[in-house]
Amino acid sequence: MIRSAKGTLQKIGDGASPEVFATIGQVRSVAGPTTSATVQDVTTHSTAGNWMEKLATLIDPGSLSFPINYDPDDATHAFATGLWTDFINLVERNFQTVFPAAMGYMTYSAYVTNHAFDIPVDNVLQATIELTVNGAITAANGTLA
């Protein structure tokens, strides 16, 4: 069944044990992760015909980005406690992307690798956050346990 993406949550872990995830507030849209396979050319002189042969070797977990309506009162946004602090201190955190209506989720570890403010004089103060995933992405249908 096709469903709306409205209600998808982008969450960040606190690093504790057990880990507690906080919803990043005011997320407008999520793009990614842009996961791709590294492909090597394995064509040899003995390869039949004129076709290249290739081998997928490693998966690059990629990155994802999302614009937020910036709210300095939101702990996940605030300079002292939020994504900006993780960015400037190069902190690796666990994240979750949780789809609505129990459709599924992805969990992964990532760094904040870009934090770009958009400060229009006639519109909403926003920031676009980029996460670069480190390691495997776990994806499943259903709800988180």
Protein backbone atom coordinates (compact mmCIF):
# COMPACT_ATOMS: atom_id res chain seq x y z
CA MET A 1 0.00 0.00 0.00
CA ILE A 2 1.35 3.42 -0.96
CA ARG A 3 1.38 5.92 1.93
CA SER A 4 2.26 9.52 2.58
CA ALA A 5 5.71 10.29 3.99
CA LYS A 6 4.15 12.84 6.35
CA GLY A 7 4.93 11.82 9.91
CA THR A 8 8.39 10.40 9.21
CA LEU A 9 10.68 11.05 12.19
CA GLN A 10 14.39 11.76 12.12
CA LYS A 11 15.89 10.77 15.49
CA ILE A 12 19.28 11.17 17.17
CA GLY A 13 20.71 8.97 19.92
CA ASP A 14 22.17 10.24 23.18
CA GLY A 15 25.04 7.71 23.27
CA ALA A 16 23.96 6.32 26.65
CA SER A 17 23.35 2.67 27.50
CA PRO A 18 20.54 1.97 26.96
CA GLU A 19 20.43 4.56 24.22
CA VAL A 20 17.55 7.01 24.13
CA PHE A 21 16.58 8.63 20.83
CA ALA A 22 15.18 12.17 20.61
CA THR A 23 13.17 13.34 17.63
CA ILE A 24 14.91 16.15 15.76
CA GLY A 25 12.31 18.90 15.69
CA GLN A 26 10.91 20.74 12.69
CA VAL A 27 12.29 18.44 9.98
CA ARG A 28 10.75 19.54 6.68
CA SER A 29 11.85 16.74 4.35
CA VAL A 30 14.45 13.95 4.25
CA ALA A 31 16.55 13.07 1.19
CA GLY A 32 18.54 9.86 1.27
CA PRO A 33 20.46 7.97 2.28
CA THR A 34 22.12 7.88 -1.13
CA THR A 35 23.53 4.37 -0.79
CA SER A 36 25.52 2.92 -3.68
CA ALA A 37 27.76 -0.02 -4.52
CA THR A 38 31.37 0.37 -5.60
CA VAL A 39 31.79 -1.50 -8.87
CA GLN A 40 35.14 -2.72 -10.20
CA ASP A 41 35.95 -3.55 -13.81
CA VAL A 42 37.12 -7.18 -13.88
CA THR A 43 37.35 -7.55 -17.67
CA THR A 44 40.30 -9.67 -18.83
CA HIS A 45 41.85 -10.43 -22.20
CA SER A 46 40.12 -13.81 -22.08
CA THR A 47 36.65 -12.29 -21.57
CA ALA A 48 34.38 -13.49 -24.38
CA GLY A 49 32.91 -10.87 -26.70
CA ASN A 50 33.13 -7.11 -26.39
CA TRP A 51 31.30 -6.72 -23.10
CA MET A 52 32.89 -5.45 -19.90
CA GLU A 53 32.55 -7.62 -16.82
CA LYS A 54 32.05 -5.96 -13.46
CA LEU A 55 31.98 -6.95 -9.81
CA ALA A 56 30.20 -5.09 -7.02
CA THR A 57 32.65 -5.04 -4.10
CA LEU A 58 31.70 -2.64 -1.30
CA ILE A 59 28.60 -0.68 -0.35
CA ASP A 60 29.00 3.01 0.38
CA PRO A 61 26.25 3.85 2.90
CA GLY A 62 26.24 7.41 1.57
CA SER A 63 24.62 10.41 3.15
CA LEU A 64 21.27 12.00 3.79
CA SER A 65 20.15 15.56 4.27
CA PHE A 66 17.19 17.37 5.70
CA PRO A 67 16.15 20.99 6.09
CA ILE A 68 14.81 22.08 9.47
CA ASN A 69 12.94 25.14 10.66
CA TYR A 70 15.64 26.30 13.07
CA ASP A 71 14.45 26.62 16.68
CA PRO A 72 17.17 27.56 19.21
CA ASP A 73 14.89 26.37 22.05
CA ASP A 74 14.94 22.80 20.63
CA ALA A 75 17.80 20.88 22.28
CA THR A 76 18.51 19.07 18.99
CA HIS A 77 19.00 22.47 17.28
CA ALA A 78 20.62 24.59 20.03
CA PHE A 79 24.27 25.53 19.51
CA ALA A 80 25.37 24.14 22.89
CA THR A 81 23.52 20.80 22.75
CA GLY A 82 22.44 20.04 19.21
CA LEU A 83 23.55 19.17 15.73
CA TRP A 84 25.91 22.18 15.53
CA THR A 85 27.91 20.91 18.53
CA ASP A 86 28.16 17.43 17.01
CA PHE A 87 29.29 19.02 13.74
CA ILE A 88 32.08 21.19 15.14
CA ASN A 89 33.30 18.43 17.48
CA LEU A 90 33.13 15.68 14.81
CA VAL A 91 30.93 13.50 17.02
CA GLU A 92 29.65 10.22 15.59
CA ARG A 93 26.10 9.41 16.74
CA ASN A 94 23.43 6.81 16.15
CA PHE A 95 20.42 7.94 14.16
CA GLN A 96 17.05 6.51 13.19
CA THR A 97 14.74 7.36 10.33
CA VAL A 98 11.29 6.11 11.33
CA PHE A 99 8.59 5.93 8.67
CA PRO A 100 4.94 6.59 9.59
CA ALA A 101 2.19 4.01 10.10
CA ALA A 102 4.65 1.28 11.18
CA MET A 103 5.96 1.07 7.59
CA GLY A 104 9.53 0.60 8.76
CA TYR A 105 12.73 2.23 9.90
CA MET A 106 16.45 2.58 9.26
CA THR A 107 19.14 2.77 11.96
CA TYR A 108 22.70 3.85 11.33
CA SER A 109 25.71 5.65 12.74
CA ALA A 110 26.66 8.98 11.17
CA TYR A 111 28.54 12.24 11.43
CA VAL A 112 27.01 15.67 10.88
CA THR A 113 29.14 16.72 7.91
CA ASN A 114 27.34 19.86 6.82
CA HIS A 115 25.28 22.42 8.75
CA ALA A 116 24.14 25.21 6.45
CA PHE A 117 21.89 28.05 7.57
CA ASP A 118 19.37 29.64 5.21
CA ILE A 119 18.56 33.13 6.52
CA PRO A 120 16.17 34.84 4.11
CA VAL A 121 15.02 38.32 5.06
CA ASP A 122 11.42 37.52 4.12
CA ASN A 123 10.99 33.91 5.24
CA VAL A 124 11.66 31.25 7.90
CA LEU A 125 15.11 30.76 9.45
CA GLN A 126 16.20 27.29 8.33
CA ALA A 127 19.22 25.05 8.43
CA THR A 128 20.03 22.13 6.16
CA ILE A 129 21.76 19.24 7.89
CA GLU A 130 23.81 16.58 6.12
CA LEU A 131 24.64 13.27 7.76
CA THR A 132 27.37 11.02 6.37
CA VAL A 133 26.68 7.42 7.33
CA ASN A 134 29.53 5.33 8.75
CA GLY A 135 29.08 1.57 8.39
CA ALA A 136 26.01 -0.53 7.79
CA ILE A 137 22.44 0.68 7.60
CA THR A 138 19.94 -1.62 9.29
CA ALA A 139 16.52 -1.44 7.66
CA ALA A 140 13.35 -3.30 8.56
CA ASN A 141 9.62 -3.17 8.07
CA GLY A 142 7.39 -2.68 11.09
CA THR A 143 8.12 -0.76 14.29
CA LEU A 144 11.21 -0.44 16.44
CA ALA A 145 11.32 -2.84 19.36
